[in-house]
C-alpha atoms as a PDB file:
ATOM      1  CA  MET A   1     105.448  83.900  58.076  1.00  0.00           C
ATOM      2  CA  THR A   2     107.388  82.775  61.168  1.00  0.00           C
ATOM      3  CA  ASP A   3     105.777  79.327  61.509  1.00  0.00           C
ATOM      4  CA  GLU A   4     105.890  78.863  57.751  1.00  0.00           C
ATOM      5  CA  LEU A   5     109.608  79.755  57.665  1.00  0.00           C
ATOM      6  CA  GLU A   6     110.352  77.303  60.488  1.00  0.00           C
ATOM      7  CA  ARG A   7     108.478  74.522  58.657  1.00  0.00           C
ATOM      8  CA  THR A   8     110.333  75.304  55.421  1.00  0.00           C
ATOM      9  CA  LEU A   9     113.714  75.345  57.170  1.00  0.00           C
ATOM     10  CA  GLU A  10     112.901  72.066  58.895  1.00  0.00           C
ATOM     11  CA  ALA A  11     112.096  70.508  55.510  1.00  0.00           C
ATOM     12  CA  LEU A  12     115.272  71.877  53.894  1.00  0.00           C
ATOM     13  CA  LEU A  13     117.469  70.585  56.724  1.00  0.00           C
ATOM     14  CA  PHE A  14     115.742  67.209  56.542  1.00  0.00           C
ATOM     15  CA  LEU A  15     116.366  66.987  52.793  1.00  0.00           C
ATOM     16  CA  SER A  16     120.015  68.008  52.942  1.00  0.00           C
ATOM     17  CA  SER A  17     122.604  65.362  53.769  1.00  0.00           C
ATOM     18  CA  ASP A  18     125.205  68.076  54.454  1.00  0.00           C
ATOM     19  CA  PRO A  19     125.127  71.087  56.782  1.00  0.00           C
ATOM     20  CA  VAL A  20     123.674  74.128  55.003  1.00  0.00           C
ATOM     21  CA  PRO A  21     125.018  77.643  55.700  1.00  0.00           C
ATOM     22  CA  ALA A  22     122.446  80.153  56.961  1.00  0.00           C
ATOM     23  CA  ALA A  23     123.046  82.273  53.848  1.00  0.00           C
ATOM     24  CA  GLY A  24     122.156  79.289  51.633  1.00  0.00           C
ATOM     25  CA  LEU A  25     118.949  78.764  53.603  1.00  0.00           C
ATOM     26  CA  ALA A  26     118.123  82.463  53.237  1.00  0.00           C
ATOM     27  CA  ASP A  27     118.623  82.242  49.467  1.00  0.00           C
ATOM     28  CA  ALA A  28     116.455  79.130  49.230  1.00  0.00           C
ATOM     29  CA  THR A  29     113.606  80.558  51.305  1.00  0.00           C
ATOM     30  CA  GLY A  30     113.791  84.172  50.128  1.00  0.00           C
ATOM     31  CA  ALA A  31     113.934  85.287  53.777  1.00  0.00           C
ATOM     32  CA  GLU A  32     116.416  87.712  55.309  1.00  0.00           C
ATOM     33  CA  LEU A  33     119.479  86.181  56.953  1.00  0.00           C
ATOM     34  CA  TYR A  34     118.499  87.415  60.433  1.00  0.00           C
ATOM     35  CA  GLU A  35     115.026  85.882  59.994  1.00  0.00           C
ATOM     36  CA  VAL A  36     116.576  82.514  59.106  1.00  0.00           C
ATOM     37  CA  VAL A  37     118.965  82.581  62.070  1.00  0.00           C
ATOM     38  CA  THR A  38     116.110  83.522  64.418  1.00  0.00           C
ATOM     39  CA  ALA A  39     113.844  80.808  63.000  1.00  0.00           C
ATOM     40  CA  LEU A  40     116.610  78.197  63.325  1.00  0.00           C
ATOM     41  CA  GLU A  41     117.100  79.140  66.968  1.00  0.00           C
ATOM     42  CA  ARG A  42     113.341  78.869  67.601  1.00  0.00           C
ATOM     43  CA  LEU A  43     113.318  75.484  65.849  1.00  0.00           C
ATOM     44  CA  ARG A  44     116.246  74.339  68.011  1.00  0.00           C
ATOM     45  CA  GLU A  45     114.454  75.490  71.173  1.00  0.00           C
ATOM     46  CA  HIS A  46     111.220  73.809  70.069  1.00  0.00           C
ATOM     47  CA  TYR A  47     112.955  70.448  69.585  1.00  0.00           C
ATOM     48  CA  GLU A  48     114.650  70.808  72.961  1.00  0.00           C
ATOM     49  CA  PHE A  49     111.483  71.843  74.793  1.00  0.00           C
ATOM     50  CA  GLU A  50     109.390  69.087  73.192  1.00  0.00           C
ATOM     51  CA  ARG A  51     112.200  66.537  73.804  1.00  0.00           C
ATOM     52  CA  ARG A  52     112.025  65.460  70.160  1.00  0.00           C
ATOM     53  CA  GLY A  53     114.216  62.859  68.464  1.00  0.00           C
ATOM     54  CA  PHE A  54     115.958  65.521  66.361  1.00  0.00           C
ATOM     55  CA  VAL A  55     118.192  68.422  67.278  1.00  0.00           C
ATOM     56  CA  VAL A  56     119.293  71.371  65.134  1.00  0.00           C
ATOM     57  CA  ARG A  57     123.088  71.618  65.234  1.00  0.00           C
ATOM     58  CA  GLU A  58     125.602  73.977  63.721  1.00  0.00           C
ATOM     59  CA  LEU A  59     128.384  71.881  62.158  1.00  0.00           C
ATOM     60  CA  ALA A  60     131.078  72.459  59.541  1.00  0.00           C
ATOM     61  CA  GLY A  61     129.918  75.988  58.793  1.00  0.00           C
ATOM     62  CA  GLY A  62     126.231  75.176  58.388  1.00  0.00           C
ATOM     63  CA  PHE A  63     123.080  73.889  60.046  1.00  0.00           C
ATOM     64  CA  THR A  64     121.850  70.319  60.051  1.00  0.00           C
ATOM     65  CA  LEU A  65     119.275  68.056  61.651  1.00  0.00           C
ATOM     66  CA  THR A  66     120.804  65.255  63.699  1.00  0.00           C
ATOM     67  CA  THR A  67     119.363  62.585  65.924  1.00  0.00           C
ATOM     68  CA  HIS A  68     119.174  63.352  69.622  1.00  0.00           C
ATOM     69  CA  PRO A  69     122.117  61.894  71.574  1.00  0.00           C
ATOM     70  CA  ASP A  70     119.651  59.885  73.707  1.00  0.00           C
ATOM     71  CA  ALA A  71     118.749  57.854  70.593  1.00  0.00           C
ATOM     72  CA  GLU A  72     122.366  56.870  69.877  1.00  0.00           C
ATOM     73  CA  ALA A  73     122.229  53.365  71.376  1.00  0.00           C
ATOM     74  CA  ALA A  74     119.031  52.479  69.505  1.00  0.00           C
ATOM     75  CA  ALA A  75     120.392  53.974  66.275  1.00  0.00           C
ATOM     76  CA  ARG A  76     123.585  51.911  66.598  1.00  0.00           C
ATOM     77  CA  ARG A  77     121.539  48.740  66.991  1.00  0.00           C
ATOM     78  CA  LEU A  78     119.353  49.618  63.997  1.00  0.00           C
ATOM     79  CA  LEU A  79     122.310  50.499  61.800  1.00  0.00           C
ATOM     80  CA  ALA A  80     124.639  47.814  63.162  1.00  0.00           C
ATOM     81  CA  ARG A  81     126.420  47.186  59.869  1.00  0.00           C
ATOM     82  CA  PRO A  82     128.878  49.985  59.164  1.00  0.00           C
ATOM     83  CA  ARG A  83     128.826  51.291  55.607  1.00  0.00           C
ATOM     84  CA  THR A  84     132.580  51.580  55.587  1.00  0.00           C
ATOM     85  CA  PRO A  85     135.071  49.609  57.622  1.00  0.00           C
ATOM     86  CA  PRO A  86     136.389  51.356  60.733  1.00  0.00           C
ATOM     87  CA  LEU A  87     139.713  53.115  60.578  1.00  0.00           C
ATOM     88  CA  THR A  88     142.779  51.036  61.300  1.00  0.00           C
ATOM     89  CA  ALA A  89     145.223  52.141  63.986  1.00  0.00           C
ATOM     90  CA  ALA A  90     147.571  53.495  61.288  1.00  0.00           C
ATOM     91  CA  GLN A  91     144.746  55.459  59.649  1.00  0.00           C
ATOM     92  CA  SER A  92     143.588  56.833  63.034  1.00  0.00           C
ATOM     93  CA  GLU A  93     147.124  57.914  63.925  1.00  0.00           C
ATOM     94  CA  THR A  94     147.554  59.589  60.541  1.00  0.00           C
ATOM     95  CA  LEU A  95     144.186  61.353  60.795  1.00  0.00           C
ATOM     96  CA  ALA A  96     145.002  62.643  64.288  1.00  0.00           C
ATOM     97  CA  ILE A  97     148.348  64.004  63.077  1.00  0.00           C
ATOM     98  CA  VAL A  98     146.698  65.754  60.125  1.00  0.00           C
ATOM     99  CA  ALA A  99     143.918  67.157  62.330  1.00  0.00           C
ATOM    100  CA  TYR A 100     146.266  68.647  64.905  1.00  0.00           C
ATOM    101  CA  LEU A 101     149.185  69.727  62.701  1.00  0.00           C
ATOM    102  CA  GLN A 102     147.496  70.683  59.429  1.00  0.00           C
ATOM    103  CA  PRO A 103     148.653  71.446  56.892  1.00  0.00           C
ATOM    104  CA  VAL A 104     151.173  68.600  57.194  1.00  0.00           C
ATOM    105  CA  SER A 105     153.115  66.549  54.635  1.00  0.00           C
ATOM    106  CA  ARG A 106     153.327  62.767  54.353  1.00  0.00           C
ATOM    107  CA  PRO A 107     157.077  62.781  55.180  1.00  0.00           C
ATOM    108  CA  GLU A 108     156.301  64.728  58.371  1.00  0.00           C
ATOM    109  CA  ILE A 109     153.543  62.227  59.254  1.00  0.00           C
ATOM    110  CA  ALA A 110     155.944  59.323  58.636  1.00  0.00           C
ATOM    111  CA  ARG A 111     158.591  60.957  60.827  1.00  0.00           C
ATOM    112  CA  ILE A 112     156.088  61.353  63.691  1.00  0.00           C
ATOM    113  CA  ARG A 113     154.671  57.827  63.343  1.00  0.00           C
ATOM    114  CA  GLY A 114     158.014  56.163  62.664  1.00  0.00           C
ATOM    115  CA  VAL A 115     156.637  54.289  59.638  1.00  0.00           C
ATOM    116  CA  SER A 116     155.382  55.133  56.157  1.00  0.00           C
ATOM    117  CA  ALA A 117     152.078  56.985  55.976  1.00  0.00           C
ATOM    118  CA  GLU A 118     151.465  56.429  52.261  1.00  0.00           C
ATOM    119  CA  SER A 119     148.754  53.763  52.511  1.00  0.00           C
ATOM    120  CA  ALA A 120     146.966  55.391  55.455  1.00  0.00           C
ATOM    121  CA  ALA A 121     146.948  58.810  53.782  1.00  0.00           C
ATOM    122  CA  ALA A 122     145.662  57.303  50.520  1.00  0.00           C
ATOM    123  CA  THR A 123     142.748  55.638  52.352  1.00  0.00           C
ATOM    124  CA  LEU A 124     141.880  58.836  54.230  1.00  0.00           C
ATOM    125  CA  LEU A 125     141.943  60.777  50.944  1.00  0.00           C
ATOM    126  CA  GLU A 126     139.694  58.152  49.340  1.00  0.00           C
ATOM    127  CA  ARG A 127     137.222  58.381  52.222  1.00  0.00           C
ATOM    128  CA  GLY A 128     137.166  62.170  51.932  1.00  0.00           C
ATOM    129  CA  VAL A 129     138.224  63.037  55.488  1.00  0.00           C
ATOM    130  CA  ILE A 130     141.490  64.675  54.365  1.00  0.00           C
ATOM    131  CA  GLU A 131     142.389  66.580  51.221  1.00  0.00           C
ATOM    132  CA  GLU A 132     145.431  68.075  49.520  1.00  0.00           C
ATOM    133  CA  ALA A 133     146.246  71.589  50.676  1.00  0.00           C
ATOM    134  CA  GLY A 134     149.099  72.668  48.418  1.00  0.00           C
ATOM    135  CA  ARG A 135     152.788  71.802  48.605  1.00  0.00           C
ATOM    136  CA  SER A 136     155.512  72.361  51.171  1.00  0.00           C
ATOM    137  CA  GLN A 137     158.627  74.393  50.381  1.00  0.00           C
ATOM    138  CA  PHE A 138     160.296  71.065  49.522  1.00  0.00           C
ATOM    139  CA  GLY A 139     157.535  70.033  47.093  1.00  0.00           C
ATOM    140  CA  ALA A 140     155.766  67.474  49.302  1.00  0.00           C
ATOM    141  CA  VAL A 141     151.962  67.421  49.190  1.00  0.00           C
ATOM    142  CA  LEU A 142     150.360  68.981  52.274  1.00  0.00           C
ATOM    143  CA  TYR A 143     147.186  67.558  53.806  1.00  0.00           C
ATOM    144  CA  ARG A 144     144.357  69.082  55.826  1.00  0.00           C
ATOM    145  CA  THR A 145     141.018  67.796  57.117  1.00  0.00           C
ATOM    146  CA  THR A 146     137.776  68.332  55.197  1.00  0.00           C
ATOM    147  CA  GLU A 147     134.253  69.436  56.053  1.00  0.00           C
ATOM    148  CA  LEU A 148     133.330  65.736  56.117  1.00  0.00           C
ATOM    149  CA  PHE A 149     135.841  65.293  58.961  1.00  0.00           C
ATOM    150  CA  LEU A 150     134.131  68.110  60.890  1.00  0.00           C
ATOM    151  CA  LYS A 151     130.731  66.580  60.239  1.00  0.00           C
ATOM    152  CA  LEU A 152     131.774  63.051  61.255  1.00  0.00           C
ATOM    153  CA  PHE A 153     133.382  64.271  64.474  1.00  0.00           C
ATOM    154  CA  GLY A 154     130.581  66.715  65.336  1.00  0.00           C
ATOM    155  CA  LEU A 155     132.767  69.820  65.127  1.00  0.00           C
ATOM    156  CA  GLY A 156     131.771  73.275  63.958  1.00  0.00           C
ATOM    157  CA  GLU A 157     135.395  74.145  63.208  1.00  0.00           C
ATOM    158  CA  ILE A 158     138.827  72.594  63.684  1.00  0.00           C
ATOM    159  CA  ALA A 159     139.507  74.846  66.699  1.00  0.00           C
ATOM    160  CA  GLU A 160     136.947  72.758  68.632  1.00  0.00           C
ATOM    161  CA  LEU A 161     139.309  69.760  68.730  1.00  0.00           C
ATOM    162  CA  PRO A 162     140.149  68.847  72.341  1.00  0.00           C
ATOM    163  CA  GLU A 163     143.377  70.341  73.646  1.00  0.00           C
ATOM    164  CA  ILE A 164     146.139  67.743  73.726  1.00  0.00           C
ATOM    165  CA  ALA A 165     147.603  69.423  76.802  1.00  0.00           C
ATOM    166  CA  GLY A 166     144.321  68.770  78.612  1.00  0.00           C
ATOM    167  CA  PHE A 167     144.609  65.003  78.135  1.00  0.00           C
ATOM    168  CA  ASN A 168     145.073  63.619  81.644  1.00  0.00           C
ATOM    169  CA  PRO A 169     144.519  59.853  81.663  1.00  0.00           C
ATOM    170  CA  SER A 170     144.071  57.829  84.840  1.00  0.00           C
ATOM    171  CA  PRO A 171     147.132  55.776  85.907  1.00  0.00           C
ATOM    172  CA  ASP A 172     145.412  52.548  84.770  1.00  0.00           C
ATOM    173  CA  PHE A 173     144.567  53.983  81.350  1.00  0.00           C
ATOM    174  CA  GLU A 174     148.069  55.425  81.005  1.00  0.00           C
ATOM    175  CA  GLN A 175     149.559  51.977  81.718  1.00  0.00           C
ATOM    176  CA  GLU A 176     147.200  50.394  79.170  1.00  0.00           C
ATOM    177  CA  LEU A 177     148.327  52.949  76.559  1.00  0.00           C
ATOM    178  CA  ARG A 178     151.996  52.266  77.353  1.00  0.00           C
ATOM    179  CA  ASP A 179     151.444  48.503  77.014  1.00  0.00           C
ATOM    180  CA  ARG A 180     149.636  48.909  73.705  1.00  0.00           C
ATOM    181  CA  LEU A 181     152.331  51.206  72.317  1.00  0.00           C
ATOM    182  CA  LEU A 182     155.083  48.802  73.408  1.00  0.00           C
ATOM    183  CA  ARG A 183     153.289  45.856  71.757  1.00  0.00           C
ATOM    184  CA  ALA A 184     152.766  47.889  68.573  1.00  0.00           C
ATOM    185  CA  GLY A 185     156.441  48.895  68.552  1.00  0.00           C
ATOM    186  CA  GLU A 186     157.556  45.295  69.049  1.00  0.00           C
ATOM    187  CA  ALA A 187     155.241  44.120  66.273  1.00  0.00           C
ATOM    188  CA  ARG A 188     156.625  46.782  63.918  1.00  0.00           C
ATOM    189  CA  ALA A 189     160.204  45.879  64.811  1.00  0.00           C
ATOM    190  CA  GLY A 190     159.463  42.172  64.194  1.00  0.00           C
ATOM    191  CA  ALA A 191     157.775  42.913  60.872  1.00  0.00           C
ATOM    192  CA  GLN A 192     160.664  45.111  59.700  1.00  0.00           C
ATOM    193  CA  SER A 193     163.364  42.557  60.607  1.00  0.00           C
ATOM    194  CA  GLY A 194     161.466  39.753  58.838  1.00  0.00           C
ATOM    195  CA  PRO A 195     162.610  36.134  58.633  1.00  0.00           C
ATOM    196  CA  ALA A 196     166.351  35.471  58.765  1.00  0.00           C
END
């Protein structure tokens, strides 16, 4: 039954586009939860030992098959055209604020960024990386990240985000960040003043 269970789990993970919780895999296979977890670990070890192109990963509360990190460069070349456009700077800033401060309201995001977050938040909602999470005491909609966010960023849970306090850039990188922020601030100030 062990080899058969591993083969079945491999097929189920291959078929599923989203991570599948171990309990869901147990229901689908009719196996006990501990048997599924053990078989998944054996499958993970097998892929690692055989140096296969897939790895079994635990992401967003479930298990999934992903390509091995060594294949990333080749995969990027094969899939060179992104299905969705990359995030803009405003969208990235907004997503980072939501990820680290969730649940957080749009007015709070705007206060942190110094500009409106309406368009960026709407795009992130549309793409499914953030979602509404109730309302603040003042009635503003609160936002949090979704399971898709965890999946896209390779996180099992939000607690796996890197610690901001641990960010220690080199002096050159710090200067580059300062220059970019100054240019962005000047561009915003110019755009807000507009033509005389």
